Amino acid sequence: MISVVVPMLNEQDNVETLVSEIQLAAMTCPIAEIILVDDGSTDLTATKIRTLQQHHKNITLVSHETRCGQSLALRSGVRAASHDLVVTLDGDGQNDPADIAKLFAKWHDATPQPSMLMVAGQRAKRADNLLKKFTSRTGNTIRNFALKDNVRDTGCSLKLFRRDDYLALPFFNHMHRFLASLFLREHGKIILVDVGHRPRMGGVSKYGFWDRLWAGVFDLIGVIWLQRRGPRATKIHIEK
């Protein structure tokens, strides 16, 4: 069964539609619960989620008193998940929940199943403005050159992985942008799937050019450090 984790910050205009789409996606793949993480919103995001909980028993609300960022919001949601498999997506409606079925099909078909596996969406066509496309592509190119993860769109939030695998990764702020590299550091496998991308449903983007640039530079240096000090590949035998 799948737990869907969605971090949200001031997404009051998107909550109802996104939850409705996830419920529809549950008709084509085994989605058992929806975990909505309110990351210190100052609008009616939490209120609207509580209203939806009255009609949908599979919704869990996780709340941060103050804004902590997307990585910690994802971690809080994954820790609250009740099921082994987790799907993550953005709360702005740009990821299409219908694509969850594509990720699950790839997961189901992966044989033999590696010890650590992540199925990651990559946006076939970005529905963003030119500046956002430019900064994203530039950042992905630099990251790929430095980390050699062969993922062209690490910014796509639509991903599927095991709950325990994710929680075993080293945590740091902004780690959500480097999940592929962190999985590969543990000698895991990444399967890429083309998915759709839509204009934002409502509200405004929470990211600017300069904050993403400088945070990305320091984070990249940190992940390179982690890669070079990662575990060596070896078979481990446990006897009881």
Protein backbone atom coordinates (compact mmCIF):
# COMPACT_ATOMS: atom_id res chain seq x y z
CA MET A 1 0.00 0.00 0.00
CA ILE A 2 1.07 3.59 -0.69
CA SER A 3 1.17 6.65 1.55
CA VAL A 4 1.11 9.91 -0.43
CA VAL A 5 3.03 12.73 1.29
CA VAL A 6 2.42 16.34 0.23
CA PRO A 7 4.24 19.30 1.85
CA MET A 8 2.20 22.51 1.79
CA LEU A 9 2.93 26.16 2.54
CA ASN A 10 0.07 28.64 2.01
CA GLU A 11 -1.71 26.40 -0.52
CA GLN A 12 -5.30 27.11 0.55
CA ASP A 13 -6.36 27.52 -3.08
CA ASN A 14 -5.00 24.10 -4.07
CA VAL A 15 -5.86 21.75 -1.21
CA GLU A 16 -9.33 20.64 -2.24
CA THR A 17 -8.57 20.04 -5.92
CA LEU A 18 -5.31 18.22 -5.20
CA VAL A 19 -6.91 15.90 -2.63
CA SER A 20 -9.73 15.14 -5.08
CA GLU A 21 -7.19 14.22 -7.77
CA ILE A 22 -5.26 11.96 -5.38
CA GLN A 23 -8.49 10.20 -4.43
CA LEU A 24 -9.15 9.60 -8.12
CA ALA A 25 -5.60 8.26 -8.54
CA ALA A 26 -6.36 5.75 -5.78
CA MET A 27 -8.72 4.01 -8.22
CA THR A 28 -5.76 2.93 -10.38
CA CYS A 29 -3.09 2.17 -7.74
CA PRO A 30 -3.12 1.17 -4.05
CA ILE A 31 -3.09 4.55 -2.32
CA ALA A 32 -4.15 3.98 1.28
CA GLU A 33 -3.53 7.34 2.93
CA ILE A 34 -2.83 10.98 2.14
CA ILE A 35 -0.52 12.86 4.50
CA LEU A 36 -0.67 16.63 4.11
CA VAL A 37 2.10 18.53 5.87
CA ASP A 38 1.26 22.14 6.72
CA ASP A 39 4.67 23.81 6.97
CA GLY A 40 3.71 26.80 9.11
CA SER A 41 1.14 28.27 6.70
CA THR A 42 -0.29 31.69 7.52
CA ASP A 43 -3.45 31.24 5.42
CA LEU A 44 -6.34 28.76 5.66
CA THR A 45 -4.41 25.71 4.47
CA ALA A 46 -4.73 23.80 7.77
CA THR A 47 -8.38 24.79 8.18
CA LYS A 48 -9.27 23.46 4.75
CA ILE A 49 -7.40 20.21 5.43
CA ARG A 50 -9.33 19.71 8.67
CA THR A 51 -12.58 20.24 6.77
CA LEU A 52 -11.56 17.59 4.23
CA GLN A 53 -10.73 15.18 7.06
CA GLN A 54 -14.40 15.20 8.01
CA HIS A 55 -15.25 13.65 4.65
CA HIS A 56 -12.14 11.56 3.94
CA LYS A 57 -10.93 9.23 6.69
CA ASN A 58 -7.64 8.52 4.90
CA ILE A 59 -6.28 12.07 5.33
CA THR A 60 -3.69 12.85 8.00
CA LEU A 61 -2.65 16.41 8.85
CA VAL A 62 0.89 17.01 10.09
CA SER A 63 1.52 20.58 11.24
CA HIS A 64 4.68 22.62 11.81
CA GLU A 65 4.23 25.61 14.10
CA THR A 66 6.74 27.57 12.01
CA ARG A 67 8.05 27.26 8.47
CA CYS A 68 10.83 24.65 8.35
CA GLY A 69 11.29 24.10 4.61
CA GLN A 70 10.34 21.43 2.14
CA SER A 71 12.93 18.85 3.20
CA LEU A 72 11.83 18.80 6.84
CA ALA A 73 8.17 18.88 5.78
CA LEU A 74 8.77 15.79 3.63
CA ARG A 75 10.60 14.07 6.48
CA SER A 76 7.79 14.82 8.94
CA GLY A 77 5.27 13.40 6.46
CA VAL A 78 7.29 10.26 5.72
CA ARG A 79 7.80 9.61 9.43
CA ALA A 80 4.03 9.82 9.91
CA ALA A 81 3.36 7.37 7.05
CA SER A 82 1.76 4.05 7.99
CA HIS A 83 2.72 2.10 4.88
CA ASP A 84 5.93 0.73 3.38
CA LEU A 85 5.76 2.64 0.07
CA VAL A 86 5.71 6.45 -0.08
CA VAL A 87 4.93 8.77 -2.98
CA THR A 88 5.84 12.45 -2.71
CA LEU A 89 4.51 15.34 -4.76
CA ASP A 90 4.24 19.11 -4.55
CA GLY A 91 1.28 20.90 -3.03
CA ASP A 92 0.95 23.47 -5.82
CA GLY A 93 -0.86 21.15 -8.22
CA GLN A 94 1.90 21.13 -10.85
CA ASN A 95 2.46 17.39 -10.40
CA ASP A 96 -0.44 15.32 -11.77
CA PRO A 97 -1.50 12.62 -9.24
CA ALA A 98 -2.64 10.48 -12.18
CA ASP A 99 1.06 9.86 -12.87
CA ILE A 100 1.42 7.98 -9.58
CA ALA A 101 0.14 4.90 -11.43
CA LYS A 102 3.09 5.16 -13.87
CA LEU A 103 5.59 5.17 -11.01
CA PHE A 104 3.91 2.25 -9.26
CA ALA A 105 3.87 0.20 -12.47
CA LYS A 106 7.64 0.70 -12.88
CA TRP A 107 8.17 -0.22 -9.23
CA HIS A 108 6.08 -3.37 -9.61
CA ASP A 109 7.98 -4.40 -12.76
CA ALA A 110 11.45 -3.93 -11.24
CA THR A 111 12.98 -7.41 -11.04
CA PRO A 112 15.02 -8.38 -9.26
CA GLN A 113 14.04 -5.83 -6.63
CA PRO A 114 17.21 -4.04 -5.43
CA SER A 115 17.73 -3.41 -1.74
CA MET A 116 17.21 0.34 -2.29
CA LEU A 117 15.10 1.60 -5.17
CA MET A 118 13.58 4.94 -6.09
CA VAL A 119 11.28 5.56 -9.04
CA ALA A 120 11.60 9.24 -9.93
CA GLY A 121 9.45 11.31 -12.24
CA GLN A 122 11.06 13.65 -14.74
CA ARG A 123 8.96 16.36 -16.32
CA ALA A 124 8.58 15.75 -20.06
CA LYS A 125 7.63 19.40 -20.64
CA ARG A 126 7.93 22.16 -18.03
CA ALA A 127 4.94 24.47 -17.54
CA ASP A 128 7.01 27.28 -16.01
CA ASN A 129 8.26 30.68 -17.10
CA LEU A 130 11.57 31.08 -18.95
CA LEU A 131 13.55 32.21 -15.88
CA LYS A 132 12.45 29.22 -13.85
CA LYS A 133 13.24 26.84 -16.71
CA PHE A 134 16.68 28.41 -17.18
CA THR A 135 17.66 28.28 -13.51
CA SER A 136 16.39 24.72 -13.16
CA ARG A 137 18.23 23.43 -16.22
CA THR A 138 21.42 25.24 -15.24
CA GLY A 139 21.25 23.85 -11.73
CA ASN A 140 20.57 20.32 -12.97
CA THR A 141 23.47 20.50 -15.41
CA ILE A 142 25.92 21.65 -12.71
CA ARG A 143 24.63 19.08 -10.22
CA ASN A 144 24.79 16.25 -12.74
CA PHE A 145 28.36 17.20 -13.73
CA ALA A 146 29.49 17.24 -10.10
CA LEU A 147 27.56 14.25 -8.74
CA LYS A 148 27.28 12.02 -11.84
CA ASP A 149 23.77 10.86 -10.91
CA ASN A 150 22.50 10.94 -14.53
CA VAL A 151 19.19 12.51 -13.47
CA ARG A 152 18.21 15.49 -15.63
CA ASP A 153 15.30 16.70 -13.47
CA THR A 154 15.98 16.17 -9.79
CA GLY A 155 13.56 19.04 -9.01
CA CYS A 156 10.53 16.96 -9.95
CA SER A 157 8.93 16.13 -6.60
CA LEU A 158 6.97 13.12 -7.88
CA LYS A 159 8.91 10.16 -6.47
CA LEU A 160 8.24 6.69 -5.07
CA PHE A 161 10.44 4.86 -2.54
CA ARG A 162 10.32 2.71 0.57
CA ARG A 163 9.68 4.61 3.79
CA ASP A 164 12.55 2.93 5.63
CA ASP A 165 15.02 3.55 2.79
CA TYR A 166 14.29 7.27 2.85
CA LEU A 167 14.58 7.52 6.63
CA ALA A 168 17.96 5.76 6.50
CA LEU A 169 19.46 8.56 4.37
CA PRO A 170 21.52 11.33 6.01
CA PHE A 171 19.19 14.26 6.64
CA PHE A 172 20.01 17.91 5.97
CA ASN A 173 18.05 20.95 4.84
CA HIS A 174 17.36 20.95 1.07
CA MET A 175 18.12 17.22 0.81
CA HIS A 176 14.98 16.74 -1.30
CA ARG A 177 16.92 18.14 -4.28
CA PHE A 178 19.58 15.43 -3.97
CA LEU A 179 17.56 12.28 -3.27
CA ALA A 180 18.84 10.48 -6.38
CA SER A 181 22.47 11.05 -5.38
CA LEU A 182 21.76 10.01 -1.80
CA PHE A 183 20.10 6.77 -2.94
CA LEU A 184 23.03 6.04 -5.27
CA ARG A 185 25.43 6.71 -2.39
CA GLU A 186 23.81 3.72 -0.67
CA HIS A 187 24.30 1.68 -3.87
CA GLY A 188 20.61 1.92 -4.69
CA LYS A 189 18.95 2.05 -8.11
CA ILE A 190 17.06 4.92 -9.77
CA ILE A 191 14.33 4.33 -12.37
CA LEU A 192 13.25 7.43 -14.31
CA VAL A 193 9.72 7.92 -15.65
CA ASP A 194 8.48 10.75 -17.89
CA VAL A 195 5.55 12.52 -16.21
CA GLY A 196 3.38 15.53 -16.92
CA HIS A 197 3.72 19.04 -15.54
CA ARG A 198 1.02 21.70 -15.21
CA PRO A 199 0.80 25.41 -14.43
CA ARG A 200 0.41 26.19 -10.74
CA MET A 201 -3.26 25.87 -9.72
CA GLY A 202 -3.28 28.88 -7.40
CA GLY A 203 -1.15 30.85 -4.97
CA VAL A 204 2.45 31.86 -5.62
CA SER A 205 5.80 30.08 -5.78
CA LYS A 206 7.79 29.97 -2.51
CA TYR A 207 11.22 29.96 -4.17
CA GLY A 208 13.30 32.82 -5.55
CA PHE A 209 16.34 32.84 -7.79
CA TRP A 210 19.02 33.91 -5.29
CA ASP A 211 17.95 31.76 -2.35
CA ARG A 212 17.97 28.66 -4.56
CA LEU A 213 21.32 29.61 -6.08
CA TRP A 214 23.33 30.09 -2.89
CA ALA A 215 21.66 27.26 -1.01
CA GLY A 216 22.31 24.99 -3.98
CA VAL A 217 26.03 25.83 -4.08
CA PHE A 218 26.62 25.01 -0.41
CA ASP A 219 24.41 21.91 -0.55
CA LEU A 220 26.26 20.62 -3.61
CA ILE A 221 29.58 20.86 -1.77
CA GLY A 222 28.07 18.97 1.15
CA VAL A 223 26.70 16.16 -1.02
CA ILE A 224 30.06 15.77 -2.78
CA TRP A 225 31.59 15.36 0.70
CA LEU A 226 28.96 12.72 1.57
CA GLN A 227 29.56 10.84 -1.68
CA ARG A 228 33.29 10.56 -1.06
CA ARG A 229 32.67 9.21 2.43
CA GLY A 230 29.84 6.86 1.51
CA PRO A 231 29.67 3.14 2.35
CA ARG A 232 31.77 0.75 0.28
CA ALA A 233 29.96 -1.78 -1.89
CA THR A 234 30.20 -5.23 -0.32
CA LYS A 235 27.95 -8.20 0.40
CA ILE A 236 26.91 -8.44 4.02
CA HIS A 237 26.01 -11.76 5.60
CA ILE A 238 23.96 -11.90 8.80
CA GLU A 239 23.72 -15.15 10.77
CA LYS A 240 21.41 -15.77 13.72
